[in-house]
Amino acid sequence: MARVPPIRSDALDGASYDPERRVLTVQFESGSVYEYFDVEPELALELEAAQPHPWRVVGERVKQHRFRRLN
């Protein structure tokens, strides 16, 4: 699995967004990695801008999207 780019966060180790697929990939401090599908580009940008507390700011909205756990 490809490494998720690091993010400055209190809960996340990394996050990346693929605008063509509209997929947000999030790696948590626990090591778990999730893909969230059909995520709006604005939401991904908001997550990036909300450092160091991005999951507190947008986590509930991200979790409303269909997802799958990669590990």
Protein backbone atom coordinates (compact mmCIF):
# COMPACT_ATOMS: atom_id res chain seq x y z
CA MET A 1 0.00 0.00 0.00
CA ALA A 2 1.25 3.50 -0.81
CA ARG A 3 2.22 5.72 2.07
CA VAL A 4 -0.28 8.45 2.91
CA PRO A 5 1.32 11.92 2.94
CA PRO A 6 1.81 13.22 6.50
CA ILE A 7 -0.47 15.84 7.98
CA ARG A 8 -0.01 17.97 11.09
CA SER A 9 -2.78 16.69 13.35
CA ASP A 10 -3.60 15.51 16.83
CA ALA A 11 -5.51 12.44 15.54
CA LEU A 12 -4.28 11.76 12.00
CA ASP A 13 -0.90 10.64 10.71
CA GLY A 14 -1.69 11.42 7.09
CA ALA A 15 -4.29 12.37 4.52
CA SER A 16 -4.45 12.65 0.76
CA TYR A 17 -7.14 13.48 -1.77
CA ASP A 18 -7.52 12.23 -5.34
CA PRO A 19 -9.68 14.84 -7.11
CA GLU A 20 -10.23 12.68 -10.20
CA ARG A 21 -11.66 9.81 -8.14
CA ARG A 22 -13.00 12.10 -5.36
CA VAL A 23 -11.41 9.77 -2.80
CA LEU A 24 -10.04 10.99 0.51
CA THR A 25 -7.53 8.63 2.12
CA VAL A 26 -6.95 9.08 5.84
CA GLN A 27 -4.41 7.36 8.07
CA PHE A 28 -5.13 7.56 11.79
CA GLU A 29 -2.55 7.53 14.59
CA SER A 30 -3.66 3.95 15.32
CA GLY A 31 -2.29 2.95 11.92
CA SER A 32 -5.72 2.31 10.40
CA VAL A 33 -6.18 3.62 6.87
CA TYR A 34 -9.58 4.44 5.37
CA GLU A 35 -10.75 5.57 1.96
CA TYR A 36 -13.81 7.83 1.86
CA PHE A 37 -15.65 7.98 -1.47
CA ASP A 38 -17.33 10.81 -3.38
CA VAL A 39 -15.82 13.46 -1.09
CA GLU A 40 -16.28 17.03 -2.28
CA PRO A 41 -13.00 18.86 -3.04
CA GLU A 42 -14.04 21.63 -0.66
CA LEU A 43 -14.28 19.18 2.23
CA ALA A 44 -10.82 17.81 1.50
CA LEU A 45 -9.43 21.35 1.41
CA GLU A 46 -11.17 22.15 4.68
CA LEU A 47 -9.59 19.10 6.30
CA GLU A 48 -6.14 20.23 5.19
CA ALA A 49 -6.71 23.80 6.35
CA ALA A 50 -7.98 22.77 9.80
CA GLN A 51 -4.61 21.51 11.06
CA PRO A 52 -3.75 20.67 13.84
CA HIS A 53 -7.33 19.52 14.59
CA PRO A 54 -8.76 18.52 11.19
CA TRP A 55 -10.69 15.46 12.36
CA ARG A 56 -12.43 17.47 15.07
CA VAL A 57 -13.47 20.07 12.48
CA VAL A 58 -14.60 17.85 9.57
CA GLY A 59 -14.54 14.26 10.81
CA GLU A 60 -18.29 13.94 11.29
CA ARG A 61 -18.95 15.18 7.75
CA VAL A 62 -16.28 12.90 6.27
CA LYS A 63 -17.75 9.88 8.08
CA GLN A 64 -21.09 10.48 6.31
CA HIS A 65 -19.47 9.25 3.08
CA ARG A 66 -19.24 5.65 2.00
CA PHE A 67 -15.88 4.21 3.07
CA ARG A 68 -13.72 1.14 3.26
CA ARG A 69 -10.95 0.23 5.64
CA LEU A 70 -7.68 -0.66 3.93
CA ASN A 71 -5.93 -2.09 6.99
